[in-house]
Amino acid sequence: MIFGATPDELDRIDQKILRELSMDGRMSIADLARRVGLSKSPAQVRVKRLQDQGYIAGFRAVLNPQKLGLEHVAFAEVKLSETTEKALSAFNAAVLKVPEIEQCHMIAGSFDYLIKVRTSNIQSYRQVLGEVISALPYVASTSTHVSMQSVKEASV
């Protein structure tokens, strides 16, 4: 079983379709059908159903950060001054507007959020941290961890 779905929700063919598309979302329906052992029409129907049911949320290009000059990755632990619903909502909304923040996760632990920030270099990160992240609503403190190497990055 993949992706934590129950056996009643996804059969073996659906799982194969999701696995194949997660590795290459641009493959043709004909190639997908061949790889999962179906003819083209049933494969197309299944992909449409998986999209309609929300298992496939969309397709996107995977960009090369090195080519774009965005090689620096840092993870910042963020503690908020308060964790009321108002504070969490304000922080969440503000994070969505910061292009350098690639991921943001609410954490159960000694800090409130873990954010992944991608910039061109450490100086750019320092500027984003000081001028943008630290100025987000209700931010009380941050702690940074710089990534030295990405061993594995993948979507679901």
Protein backbone atom coordinates (compact mmCIF):
# COMPACT_ATOMS: atom_id res chain seq x y z
CA MET A 1 0.00 0.00 0.00
CA ILE A 2 1.27 3.48 -0.83
CA PHE A 3 0.37 6.96 0.32
CA GLY A 4 -1.55 5.72 3.40
CA ALA A 5 -4.79 5.09 1.51
CA THR A 6 -7.04 2.27 2.59
CA PRO A 7 -7.42 -0.79 0.32
CA ASP A 8 -11.04 0.20 -0.40
CA GLU A 9 -9.99 3.61 -1.73
CA LEU A 10 -7.22 2.67 -4.17
CA ASP A 11 -6.67 -0.60 -5.96
CA ARG A 12 -3.32 -1.87 -7.21
CA ILE A 13 -3.70 -0.17 -10.61
CA ASP A 14 -4.61 3.19 -9.02
CA GLN A 15 -1.52 2.92 -6.83
CA LYS A 16 0.66 2.16 -9.86
CA ILE A 17 -0.80 5.15 -11.70
CA LEU A 18 -0.04 7.47 -8.77
CA ARG A 19 3.48 6.09 -8.40
CA GLU A 20 4.24 6.52 -12.11
CA LEU A 21 2.79 10.03 -12.31
CA SER A 22 4.63 11.11 -9.15
CA MET A 23 7.89 10.24 -10.90
CA ASP A 24 6.95 11.70 -14.31
CA GLY A 25 3.82 13.82 -14.45
CA ARG A 26 4.39 14.67 -18.11
CA MET A 27 4.26 11.13 -19.45
CA SER A 28 1.64 10.50 -22.09
CA ILE A 29 -1.49 8.52 -21.30
CA ALA A 30 -0.26 5.88 -23.78
CA ASP A 31 3.03 5.45 -21.85
CA LEU A 32 1.20 5.44 -18.53
CA ALA A 33 -1.28 2.83 -19.76
CA ARG A 34 1.55 0.59 -20.95
CA ARG A 35 3.43 0.89 -17.65
CA VAL A 36 0.39 -0.01 -15.54
CA GLY A 37 -0.98 -2.71 -17.82
CA LEU A 38 -4.09 -1.00 -19.19
CA SER A 39 -5.24 0.26 -22.55
CA LYS A 40 -5.30 4.00 -23.13
CA SER A 41 -9.01 4.71 -22.47
CA PRO A 42 -9.25 2.96 -19.08
CA ALA A 43 -6.00 4.63 -17.98
CA GLN A 44 -7.38 8.02 -18.97
CA VAL A 45 -10.63 7.36 -17.09
CA ARG A 46 -8.71 6.35 -13.96
CA VAL A 47 -6.46 9.42 -14.08
CA LYS A 48 -9.52 11.66 -14.44
CA ARG A 49 -11.21 9.89 -11.50
CA LEU A 50 -8.07 10.22 -9.36
CA GLN A 51 -8.02 13.95 -10.17
CA ASP A 52 -11.73 14.37 -9.44
CA GLN A 53 -11.37 12.54 -6.11
CA GLY A 54 -8.43 14.73 -5.10
CA TYR A 55 -5.67 12.10 -5.13
CA ILE A 56 -3.98 14.06 -7.92
CA ALA A 57 -3.94 17.69 -6.87
CA GLY A 58 -2.25 18.98 -10.01
CA PHE A 59 0.81 18.87 -12.21
CA ARG A 60 3.77 21.21 -12.06
CA ALA A 61 7.27 21.73 -13.32
CA VAL A 62 10.11 20.82 -10.95
CA LEU A 63 12.56 23.70 -11.20
CA ASN A 64 16.33 23.43 -10.86
CA PRO A 65 17.33 25.70 -7.95
CA GLN A 66 21.01 25.75 -8.99
CA LYS A 67 20.15 27.03 -12.48
CA LEU A 68 17.97 29.71 -10.89
CA GLY A 69 20.71 30.80 -8.48
CA LEU A 70 18.82 29.59 -5.42
CA GLU A 71 21.29 27.13 -3.95
CA HIS A 72 21.19 28.24 -0.31
CA VAL A 73 18.70 26.35 1.88
CA ALA A 74 18.10 27.10 5.53
CA PHE A 75 15.54 25.83 8.00
CA ALA A 76 14.33 28.27 10.61
CA GLU A 77 12.62 27.31 13.83
CA VAL A 78 10.09 30.00 14.67
CA LYS A 79 8.61 30.65 18.11
CA LEU A 80 5.56 32.89 18.31
CA SER A 81 4.83 35.29 21.15
CA GLU A 82 1.38 33.75 21.46
CA THR A 83 -0.44 30.82 19.88
CA THR A 84 -4.01 32.01 19.87
CA GLU A 85 -6.03 31.26 16.75
CA LYS A 86 -5.73 34.93 15.80
CA ALA A 87 -1.93 34.78 16.03
CA LEU A 88 -1.66 31.49 14.12
CA SER A 89 -3.97 32.74 11.36
CA ALA A 90 -2.07 36.01 11.01
CA PHE A 91 1.29 34.22 10.85
CA ASN A 92 -0.01 31.64 8.34
CA ALA A 93 -1.44 34.32 6.05
CA ALA A 94 1.76 36.35 6.14
CA VAL A 95 3.97 33.32 5.38
CA LEU A 96 2.00 32.65 2.19
CA LYS A 97 3.14 36.03 0.84
CA VAL A 98 6.90 35.40 1.26
CA PRO A 99 8.36 33.90 -1.94
CA GLU A 100 11.60 32.80 -0.25
CA ILE A 101 9.66 30.53 2.13
CA GLU A 102 9.42 27.23 0.28
CA GLN A 103 7.71 25.25 3.05
CA CYS A 104 6.13 26.05 6.39
CA HIS A 105 5.03 23.46 8.94
CA MET A 106 3.32 23.96 12.30
CA ILE A 107 5.25 21.84 14.80
CA ALA A 108 4.28 20.19 18.07
CA GLY A 109 7.36 20.67 20.20
CA SER A 110 9.70 23.28 21.63
CA PHE A 111 8.99 25.76 18.80
CA ASP A 112 5.87 26.58 16.80
CA TYR A 113 6.86 26.47 13.10
CA LEU A 114 9.63 25.05 10.96
CA ILE A 115 10.14 26.91 7.71
CA LYS A 116 12.32 26.05 4.73
CA VAL A 117 13.83 29.12 3.12
CA ARG A 118 15.60 29.14 -0.25
CA THR A 119 17.83 32.07 -1.25
CA SER A 120 20.89 32.70 -3.40
CA ASN A 121 23.41 32.80 -0.54
CA ILE A 122 23.86 33.24 3.21
CA GLN A 123 23.83 37.05 2.92
CA SER A 124 20.45 36.95 1.16
CA TYR A 125 19.15 34.56 3.80
CA ARG A 126 20.33 36.86 6.58
CA GLN A 127 18.48 39.76 4.95
CA VAL A 128 15.26 37.73 4.53
CA LEU A 129 15.52 36.51 8.12
CA GLY A 130 16.15 39.96 9.57
CA GLU A 131 13.80 42.01 7.42
CA VAL A 132 11.00 39.60 6.55
CA ILE A 133 10.76 36.49 8.73
CA SER A 134 11.50 38.25 12.02
CA ALA A 135 8.90 40.89 11.10
CA LEU A 136 6.12 38.36 10.49
CA PRO A 137 3.16 38.69 12.89
CA TYR A 138 3.76 37.39 16.41
CA VAL A 139 7.33 36.14 15.78
CA ALA A 140 9.15 36.14 19.11
CA SER A 141 12.36 34.33 18.11
CA THR A 142 14.01 32.26 15.41
CA SER A 143 16.80 29.71 15.24
CA THR A 144 18.46 28.78 11.95
CA HIS A 145 19.86 25.51 10.65
CA VAL A 146 21.74 25.74 7.35
CA SER A 147 21.53 22.80 4.95
CA MET A 148 24.91 21.61 3.73
CA GLN A 149 23.53 19.10 1.22
CA SER A 150 20.14 17.83 0.14
CA VAL A 151 20.22 14.04 0.23
CA LYS A 152 16.59 13.49 -0.77
CA GLU A 153 13.84 15.85 -1.84
CA ALA A 154 10.60 14.48 -3.16
CA SER A 155 6.93 15.24 -3.16
CA VAL A 156 4.44 12.69 -1.91
